[in-house]
Amino acid sequence: MASLEQLITDLTTTGLETLDPEKLKLLKAKCKTDTTGDTIIAVFQRIFKALNKSHAQIRLSSLQVINELFVRSHVFRSLFVTQKLPEFLSLTLGAYGKELPLPKSYAIKLQQLAARYFYEWVEKYGFAYQRLVYAFRYLRYVEKIDFRAAAKAYKSLDPESARCRREMHDKNRNGYMKWSFHSVQMDMRKRKGEIIGAVRTMERCFNILVPDIAGLFDEHDGGADGADYDDDEILAVMAANRHAISVDINPENVLETRETEQNKVVYEMLRDCLRSCTKIYQPRIRTWLDKLGRIEPNVDANVSETLSAAKEVESRIADAVAKCQDLGIDVKCVDNVKNASSESEDEFEDVTEETAAEVNRRLRSRKGRLDDSGHSGTVANTSSNKSSYSTKRNEVFSLLNDPR
């Protein structure tokens, strides 16, 4: 092992920008004849020891040795990715706020060569070592390291591979867009009728509350095959309680109407539909539009038509929600009514953990005042039980630095 250590020292301390070919060949031969992996591990440890030297020329030579072994040894790659990846990034690229050592000219060469090597590793081995891909994204988007020169150099060395990778990237992208478009189409076929049905129900409820306004909503009957309520059904529900239907209209504001016992069922329908529209349908429609907006028109002939249909549904549901707000029914009103009804149904209040702790604290305080009466032993026992309970830890979900 002494000769191996001397070989690595000679390779990394020459002060030259390139490695000694004879000594590099000898190092490769030693690693190639290794059948147990011990030689690779020893080289790995010593080369990173050299990389930690505070000298840019030594780090530049060590980087070249690392590259030679990285592209030839699976054992070396596995050790590198699992044990030394963050350290390598900080020592060669200056990641994590780490400054590169002098000389400055060699520090610049070190950073450029490290970016080039790392880009090549990601291109060749990123599919097998996901940590390389994650590190590359971190360097690119967080550390703002420029890989354009490295990418250009790599493509010039292997233009055929670069072309094949580009074709594969475009193929995968088109495949993903087709899948995304078909998933949106299926979801729209499944949900569009339901959404339109809710909107038509809201329109008819509004027409019952404000019957003198013609054309307040545009009737869009085409394509709405979902379940909805017609005027006769709504009136039948209201008439089931044998109440007369009365609608109060302010001539100065036709949308000013009041909820009464007679029209309460209509308001309930509007609240239910409004809750569904704001909590379920509108977020779903926004998801449709977001996905469709990122799909290129040439992916499918129906992309533009589907996008227009989604926008139309969005417009209709927005109009219905706005009319409900004009009536004084909004999301906060819906939530308040829902919460009030749920609170009225709760006959008993649940005892929370905090309430139980407060009761225990008061009991202990009361027992503490009885110490002079011979109850100190009970208090001590209670305190010890509380202490043992509070220090009990969940070994599975405990924090990493949770103090005992």
Protein backbone atom coordinates (compact mmCIF):
# COMPACT_ATOMS: atom_id res chain seq x y z
CA MET A 1 0.00 0.00 0.00
CA ALA A 2 2.96 2.31 0.52
CA SER A 3 3.79 2.18 -3.20
CA LEU A 4 0.14 2.93 -4.00
CA GLU A 5 0.18 5.96 -1.74
CA GLN A 6 3.43 7.14 -3.28
CA LEU A 7 1.98 6.68 -6.75
CA ILE A 8 -1.01 8.89 -5.93
CA THR A 9 1.27 11.48 -4.35
CA ASP A 10 3.42 11.59 -7.48
CA LEU A 11 0.37 11.96 -9.70
CA THR A 12 -1.17 14.83 -7.73
CA THR A 13 1.90 16.90 -6.79
CA THR A 14 3.67 17.33 -10.11
CA GLY A 15 2.31 20.86 -10.57
CA LEU A 16 1.45 20.08 -14.20
CA GLU A 17 -1.96 20.61 -15.78
CA THR A 18 -1.97 17.06 -17.17
CA LEU A 19 -1.25 13.75 -15.47
CA ASP A 20 1.88 11.67 -16.03
CA PRO A 21 0.67 9.02 -18.53
CA GLU A 22 3.05 6.31 -17.30
CA LYS A 23 2.10 6.65 -13.64
CA LEU A 24 -1.59 6.93 -14.55
CA LYS A 25 -1.29 3.70 -16.55
CA LEU A 26 0.35 2.00 -13.58
CA LEU A 27 -2.45 3.14 -11.25
CA LYS A 28 -5.09 1.82 -13.66
CA ALA A 29 -3.32 -1.52 -13.84
CA LYS A 30 -3.31 -1.84 -10.04
CA CYS A 31 -7.01 -1.07 -9.86
CA LYS A 32 -7.83 -3.42 -12.74
CA THR A 33 -6.16 -6.41 -11.08
CA ASP A 34 -8.09 -5.82 -7.86
CA THR A 35 -10.68 -8.56 -7.35
CA THR A 36 -11.82 -7.76 -3.81
CA GLY A 37 -12.29 -3.99 -4.13
CA ASP A 38 -9.73 -3.22 -1.43
CA THR A 39 -7.42 -1.43 -3.84
CA ILE A 40 -10.23 0.75 -5.19
CA ILE A 41 -11.27 1.66 -1.65
CA ALA A 42 -7.68 2.52 -0.70
CA VAL A 43 -7.25 4.68 -3.82
CA PHE A 44 -10.59 6.33 -3.14
CA GLN A 45 -9.57 7.33 0.38
CA ARG A 46 -6.16 8.61 -0.62
CA ILE A 47 -7.31 10.57 -3.64
CA PHE A 48 -9.87 12.44 -1.57
CA LYS A 49 -7.22 13.08 1.04
CA ALA A 50 -5.19 14.76 -1.71
CA LEU A 51 -8.28 16.63 -2.94
CA ASN A 52 -8.63 18.21 0.51
CA LYS A 53 -5.21 19.86 0.21
CA SER A 54 -5.48 23.65 0.21
CA HIS A 55 -3.77 24.07 -3.14
CA ALA A 56 -5.56 24.51 -6.47
CA GLN A 57 -2.91 22.67 -8.52
CA ILE A 58 -3.08 19.58 -6.30
CA ARG A 59 -6.86 19.64 -6.49
CA LEU A 60 -6.74 19.96 -10.28
CA SER A 61 -4.55 16.87 -10.60
CA SER A 62 -6.67 14.97 -8.05
CA LEU A 63 -9.79 15.86 -10.03
CA GLN A 64 -8.32 14.33 -13.18
CA VAL A 65 -7.47 11.11 -11.33
CA ILE A 66 -11.00 10.98 -9.92
CA ASN A 67 -12.44 11.32 -13.42
CA GLU A 68 -10.27 8.51 -14.78
CA LEU A 69 -11.44 6.14 -12.04
CA PHE A 70 -15.06 7.35 -12.00
CA VAL A 71 -15.69 6.40 -15.64
CA ARG A 72 -14.04 2.96 -15.22
CA SER A 73 -15.09 1.61 -11.84
CA HIS A 74 -18.60 0.95 -10.53
CA VAL A 75 -17.20 0.52 -7.02
CA PHE A 76 -15.56 3.94 -7.21
CA ARG A 77 -18.78 5.55 -8.51
CA SER A 78 -20.84 4.01 -5.73
CA LEU A 79 -18.44 5.21 -3.05
CA PHE A 80 -18.29 8.64 -4.62
CA VAL A 81 -22.06 9.13 -4.86
CA THR A 82 -22.92 7.75 -1.42
CA GLN A 83 -20.03 9.17 0.63
CA LYS A 84 -18.23 12.09 -0.99
CA LEU A 85 -20.58 13.88 -3.39
CA PRO A 86 -21.23 17.05 -1.28
CA GLU A 87 -17.56 17.21 -0.31
CA PHE A 88 -16.50 16.97 -3.94
CA LEU A 89 -18.85 19.77 -4.97
CA SER A 90 -17.52 22.10 -2.30
CA LEU A 91 -13.84 21.32 -2.96
CA THR A 92 -13.95 21.62 -6.76
CA LEU A 93 -16.90 23.89 -7.61
CA GLY A 94 -17.00 26.08 -4.50
CA ALA A 95 -20.52 24.93 -3.58
CA TYR A 96 -22.07 25.66 -0.18
CA GLY A 97 -20.12 28.92 0.12
CA LYS A 98 -16.72 27.19 0.07
CA GLU A 99 -13.88 29.29 -1.40
CA LEU A 100 -11.37 27.63 -3.69
CA PRO A 101 -7.68 27.86 -2.76
CA LEU A 102 -4.90 29.69 -4.55
CA PRO A 103 -3.39 30.05 -7.11
CA LYS A 104 -6.41 31.84 -8.54
CA SER A 105 -5.68 30.94 -12.16
CA TYR A 106 -5.64 27.24 -11.27
CA ALA A 107 -8.75 27.67 -9.12
CA ILE A 108 -10.62 28.93 -12.20
CA LYS A 109 -9.34 25.98 -14.26
CA LEU A 110 -10.34 23.64 -11.44
CA GLN A 111 -13.89 24.95 -11.40
CA GLN A 112 -14.26 24.83 -15.19
CA LEU A 113 -12.89 21.29 -15.46
CA ALA A 114 -15.04 20.10 -12.54
CA ALA A 115 -18.15 21.52 -14.23
CA ARG A 116 -17.23 19.75 -17.45
CA TYR A 117 -16.56 16.41 -15.77
CA PHE A 118 -19.69 16.59 -13.63
CA TYR A 119 -21.87 17.40 -16.64
CA GLU A 120 -20.46 14.36 -18.47
CA TRP A 121 -21.11 12.14 -15.43
CA VAL A 122 -24.71 13.29 -15.25
CA GLU A 123 -25.24 12.64 -18.95
CA LYS A 124 -23.67 9.18 -18.87
CA TYR A 125 -24.60 7.88 -15.43
CA GLY A 126 -27.47 10.06 -14.22
CA PHE A 127 -30.06 7.39 -15.05
CA ALA A 128 -28.36 4.97 -12.63
CA TYR A 129 -27.30 7.44 -9.93
CA GLN A 130 -30.17 9.81 -9.18
CA ARG A 131 -28.11 11.74 -6.65
CA LEU A 132 -25.99 13.03 -9.52
CA VAL A 133 -29.11 14.47 -11.16
CA TYR A 134 -30.30 16.06 -7.91
CA ALA A 135 -26.85 17.57 -7.33
CA PHE A 136 -26.77 18.91 -10.88
CA ARG A 137 -30.14 20.64 -10.41
CA TYR A 138 -28.96 22.09 -7.12
CA LEU A 139 -25.78 23.45 -8.71
CA ARG A 140 -27.67 24.88 -11.67
CA TYR A 141 -30.64 26.48 -9.94
CA VAL A 142 -29.37 27.24 -6.42
CA GLU A 143 -25.63 27.73 -6.78
CA LYS A 144 -26.19 29.28 -10.26
CA ILE A 145 -23.24 27.45 -11.79
CA ASP A 146 -23.08 27.86 -15.56
CA PHE A 147 -22.88 24.52 -17.40
CA ARG A 148 -23.36 25.92 -20.91
CA ALA A 149 -19.68 25.65 -21.83
CA ALA A 150 -19.55 22.12 -20.42
CA ALA A 151 -22.64 21.13 -22.40
CA LYS A 152 -21.23 22.61 -25.61
CA ALA A 153 -17.92 20.81 -25.13
CA TYR A 154 -19.64 17.50 -24.44
CA LYS A 155 -21.88 17.77 -27.51
CA SER A 156 -18.91 18.59 -29.72
CA LEU A 157 -17.09 15.47 -28.50
CA ASP A 158 -20.03 13.17 -29.17
CA PRO A 159 -22.53 14.83 -31.54
CA GLU A 160 -24.30 11.57 -32.41
CA SER A 161 -25.04 10.78 -28.76
CA ALA A 162 -26.22 14.35 -28.21
CA ARG A 163 -28.59 14.06 -31.17
CA CYS A 164 -29.96 10.74 -29.92
CA ARG A 165 -30.50 12.16 -26.43
CA ARG A 166 -32.30 15.16 -27.90
CA GLU A 167 -34.57 12.94 -29.97
CA MET A 168 -35.28 10.79 -26.92
CA HIS A 169 -36.03 13.90 -24.85
CA ASP A 170 -38.47 15.20 -27.49
CA LYS A 171 -40.11 11.79 -27.76
CA ASN A 172 -40.58 11.52 -24.01
CA ARG A 173 -41.89 15.09 -23.83
CA ASN A 174 -44.44 14.50 -26.59
CA GLY A 175 -45.50 11.27 -24.95
CA TYR A 176 -46.01 13.02 -21.64
CA MET A 177 -48.04 15.81 -23.28
CA LYS A 178 -50.26 13.25 -25.03
CA TRP A 179 -50.83 11.42 -21.78
CA SER A 180 -51.58 14.66 -19.96
CA PHE A 181 -54.03 15.78 -22.67
CA HIS A 182 -55.92 12.49 -22.66
CA SER A 183 -56.15 12.52 -18.87
CA VAL A 184 -57.65 16.03 -18.99
CA GLN A 185 -60.07 14.94 -21.71
CA MET A 186 -61.26 11.96 -19.66
CA ASP A 187 -61.69 14.09 -16.56
CA MET A 188 -63.64 16.72 -18.49
CA ARG A 189 -65.98 14.09 -19.98
CA LYS A 190 -66.57 12.74 -16.50
CA ARG A 191 -67.07 16.05 -14.69
CA LYS A 192 -68.34 18.55 -17.24
CA GLY A 193 -71.96 17.39 -17.10
CA GLU A 194 -71.92 17.51 -13.31
CA ILE A 195 -70.51 21.04 -13.32
CA ILE A 196 -72.93 22.34 -15.94
CA GLY A 197 -75.79 20.71 -14.06
CA ALA A 198 -74.84 22.59 -10.88
CA VAL A 199 -74.62 25.87 -12.81
CA ARG A 200 -78.06 25.36 -14.41
CA THR A 201 -79.52 24.59 -10.99
CA MET A 202 -78.09 27.87 -9.68
CA GLU A 203 -79.53 29.74 -12.67
CA ARG A 204 -83.02 28.34 -12.11
CA CYS A 205 -82.89 29.03 -8.40
CA PHE A 206 -81.95 32.60 -9.20
CA ASN A 207 -84.81 32.89 -11.68
CA ILE A 208 -87.22 31.77 -8.95
CA LEU A 209 -85.87 34.36 -6.52
CA VAL A 210 -85.86 37.14 -9.15
CA PRO A 211 -88.53 36.09 -11.66
CA ASP A 212 -89.01 39.48 -13.33
CA ILE A 213 -85.51 39.63 -14.81
CA ALA A 214 -85.40 38.00 -18.22
CA GLY A 215 -82.15 36.90 -19.72
CA LEU A 216 -80.16 37.40 -16.51
CA PHE A 217 -78.46 34.15 -17.31
CA ASP A 218 -77.78 32.88 -20.80
CA GLU A 219 -79.24 29.44 -21.30
CA HIS A 220 -76.56 27.02 -22.51
CA ASP A 221 -78.44 23.75 -22.83
CA GLY A 222 -76.18 22.10 -25.36
CA GLY A 223 -73.80 19.47 -24.02
CA ALA A 224 -75.16 19.48 -20.46
CA ASP A 225 -76.05 15.89 -19.79
CA GLY A 226 -75.47 15.96 -16.02
CA ALA A 227 -78.13 15.67 -13.33
CA ASP A 228 -79.81 18.97 -12.41
CA TYR A 229 -83.03 20.36 -10.98
CA ASP A 230 -85.71 21.91 -13.18
CA ASP A 231 -88.24 24.52 -12.09
CA ASP A 232 -90.98 21.99 -11.37
CA GLU A 233 -88.73 19.94 -9.08
CA ILE A 234 -87.67 23.00 -7.08
CA LEU A 235 -91.25 24.22 -6.77
CA ALA A 236 -92.37 20.75 -5.75
CA VAL A 237 -89.86 20.66 -2.91
CA MET A 238 -91.04 24.04 -1.70
CA ALA A 239 -94.69 23.08 -1.98
CA ALA A 240 -94.17 19.89 0.00
CA ASN A 241 -94.41 21.91 3.23
CA ARG A 242 -97.70 23.50 2.03
CA HIS A 243 -96.22 27.01 2.12
CA ALA A 244 -96.93 29.79 -0.31
CA ILE A 245 -94.05 31.11 -2.39
CA SER A 246 -93.36 34.78 -1.82
CA VAL A 247 -90.56 36.80 -3.36
CA ASP A 248 -89.84 40.33 -2.18
CA ILE A 249 -88.23 42.54 -4.82
CA ASN A 250 -86.84 46.00 -4.29
CA PRO A 251 -87.62 48.08 -7.42
CA GLU A 252 -84.37 50.03 -6.99
CA ASN A 253 -82.26 46.89 -6.68
CA VAL A 254 -83.78 43.82 -8.28
CA LEU A 255 -81.07 41.59 -6.84
CA GLU A 256 -81.94 42.56 -3.27
CA THR A 257 -83.98 39.68 -1.90
CA ARG A 258 -84.39 38.20 1.55
CA GLU A 259 -84.29 34.64 2.79
CA THR A 260 -87.58 33.55 4.37
CA GLU A 261 -89.10 30.30 5.48
CA GLN A 262 -90.89 30.09 2.15
CA ASN A 263 -87.79 30.41 -0.05
CA LYS A 264 -85.34 28.79 2.36
CA VAL A 265 -85.07 25.63 0.27
CA VAL A 266 -83.95 27.66 -2.75
CA TYR A 267 -81.23 29.33 -0.70
CA GLU A 268 -80.13 25.94 0.58
CA MET A 269 -79.77 24.68 -2.99
CA LEU A 270 -77.76 27.76 -3.92
CA ARG A 271 -75.48 27.31 -0.92
CA ASP A 272 -74.86 23.66 -1.76
CA CYS A 273 -74.10 24.44 -5.39
CA LEU A 274 -71.93 27.42 -4.45
CA ARG A 275 -69.92 25.32 -2.04
CA SER A 276 -69.32 22.71 -4.75
CA CYS A 277 -68.41 25.37 -7.31
CA THR A 278 -65.88 27.21 -5.16
CA LYS A 279 -64.39 24.28 -3.30
CA ILE A 280 -64.39 21.56 -5.99
CA TYR A 281 -65.22 22.69 -9.50
CA GLN A 282 -63.21 25.90 -9.85
CA PRO A 283 -59.92 24.34 -8.58
CA ARG A 284 -60.46 21.42 -10.94
CA ILE A 285 -61.08 23.74 -13.90
CA ARG A 286 -57.94 25.71 -13.07
CA THR A 287 -56.00 22.43 -13.16
CA TRP A 288 -57.46 21.67 -16.60
CA LEU A 289 -56.48 25.07 -17.94
CA ASP A 290 -52.99 24.85 -16.46
CA LYS A 291 -52.31 21.48 -18.08
CA LEU A 292 -53.88 22.41 -21.41
CA GLY A 293 -51.91 25.65 -21.52
CA ARG A 294 -48.64 23.71 -21.42
CA ILE A 295 -49.61 21.27 -24.18
CA GLU A 296 -48.51 22.17 -27.69
CA PRO A 297 -51.32 22.35 -30.30
CA ASN A 298 -49.59 19.87 -32.61
CA VAL A 299 -49.84 17.08 -30.02
CA ASP A 300 -53.51 16.48 -30.83
CA ALA A 301 -56.01 18.05 -33.21
CA ASN A 302 -58.50 18.59 -30.37
CA VAL A 303 -56.24 20.57 -28.03
CA SER A 304 -57.59 23.99 -29.04
CA GLU A 305 -61.19 22.81 -28.95
CA THR A 306 -60.76 21.27 -25.51
CA LEU A 307 -59.09 24.41 -24.21
CA SER A 308 -61.97 26.56 -25.48
CA ALA A 309 -64.50 24.24 -23.85
CA ALA A 310 -62.69 24.45 -20.52
CA LYS A 311 -62.62 28.25 -20.72
CA GLU A 312 -66.35 28.31 -21.48
CA VAL A 313 -67.11 26.18 -18.42
CA GLU A 314 -64.88 28.44 -16.33
CA SER A 315 -66.76 31.52 -17.57
CA ARG A 316 -70.19 30.05 -16.83
CA ILE A 317 -69.30 28.98 -13.34
CA ALA A 318 -67.69 32.36 -12.62
CA ASP A 319 -70.90 34.13 -13.72
CA ALA A 320 -73.02 31.90 -11.50
CA VAL A 321 -70.77 32.52 -8.49
CA ALA A 322 -70.89 36.28 -9.13
CA LYS A 323 -74.71 36.25 -9.22
CA CYS A 324 -74.77 34.38 -5.90
CA GLN A 325 -72.53 37.05 -4.41
CA ASP A 326 -74.96 39.68 -5.69
CA LEU A 327 -77.63 37.92 -3.67
CA GLY A 328 -75.44 38.13 -0.58
CA ILE A 329 -74.47 34.46 -0.66
CA ASP A 330 -70.71 34.03 -0.65
CA VAL A 331 -68.19 31.43 0.44
CA LYS A 332 -67.86 32.84 3.96
CA CYS A 333 -71.63 32.77 4.36
CA VAL A 334 -71.70 29.15 3.22
CA ASP A 335 -68.94 28.13 5.65
CA ASN A 336 -70.55 30.04 8.53
CA VAL A 337 -73.90 28.33 7.97
CA LYS A 338 -72.21 24.94 7.78
CA ASN A 339 -70.20 25.54 10.96
CA ALA A 340 -73.23 26.86 12.84
CA SER A 341 -75.29 23.81 11.95
CA SER A 342 -72.52 21.43 12.98
CA GLU A 343 -72.03 23.22 16.30
CA SER A 344 -75.73 23.09 17.08
CA GLU A 345 -75.74 19.33 16.57
CA ASP A 346 -72.95 18.77 19.11
CA GLU A 347 -74.61 18.17 22.44
CA PHE A 348 -71.41 17.51 24.38
CA GLU A 349 -68.02 19.16 24.09
CA ASP A 350 -65.06 16.85 23.65
CA VAL A 351 -62.43 17.00 26.36
CA THR A 352 -59.22 17.90 24.62
CA GLU A 353 -55.78 16.86 25.73
CA GLU A 354 -55.08 20.43 26.81
CA THR A 355 -58.24 20.50 28.97
CA ALA A 356 -57.26 17.22 30.61
CA ALA A 357 -53.81 18.58 31.37
CA GLU A 358 -55.37 21.66 32.99
CA VAL A 359 -57.57 19.47 35.21
CA ASN A 360 -54.55 17.40 36.26
CA ARG A 361 -52.60 20.56 37.06
CA ARG A 362 -55.39 21.82 39.31
CA LEU A 363 -55.64 18.48 41.08
CA ARG A 364 -51.90 18.46 41.74
CA SER A 365 -52.11 22.01 43.03
CA ARG A 366 -54.93 21.02 45.35
CA LYS A 367 -53.01 18.01 46.61
CA GLY A 368 -49.95 20.17 47.17
CA ARG A 369 -51.93 22.31 49.59
CA LEU A 370 -52.72 19.17 51.56
CA ASP A 371 -49.07 18.31 52.23
CA ASP A 372 -49.40 19.27 55.89
CA SER A 373 -52.24 16.78 56.22
CA GLY A 374 -50.06 13.80 55.31
CA HIS A 375 -50.73 13.58 51.57
CA SER A 376 -47.25 14.51 50.39
CA GLY A 377 -46.53 10.93 49.38
CA THR A 378 -49.42 10.94 46.95
CA VAL A 379 -48.26 14.17 45.38
CA ALA A 380 -44.74 12.87 44.96
CA ASN A 381 -46.07 9.73 43.34
CA THR A 382 -48.20 11.77 40.96
CA SER A 383 -45.23 13.96 40.03
CA SER A 384 -43.03 10.94 39.38
CA ASN A 385 -45.69 9.42 37.13
CA LYS A 386 -46.05 12.69 35.23
CA SER A 387 -42.28 12.92 34.85
CA SER A 388 -42.00 9.38 33.51
CA TYR A 389 -44.83 10.08 31.06
CA SER A 390 -43.35 13.34 29.78
CA THR A 391 -39.95 11.76 29.06
CA LYS A 392 -41.41 8.86 27.13
CA ARG A 393 -40.33 9.13 23.47
CA ASN A 394 -41.60 7.62 20.31
CA GLU A 395 -38.49 6.00 18.89
CA VAL A 396 -39.92 5.91 15.36
CA PHE A 397 -41.12 9.49 14.96
CA SER A 398 -38.72 11.27 17.34
CA LEU A 399 -36.73 14.19 16.02
CA LEU A 400 -33.16 13.68 14.92
CA ASN A 401 -31.79 15.92 17.67
CA ASP A 402 -34.55 15.27 20.20
CA PRO A 403 -32.88 15.53 23.64
CA ARG A 404 -33.57 12.77 26.11
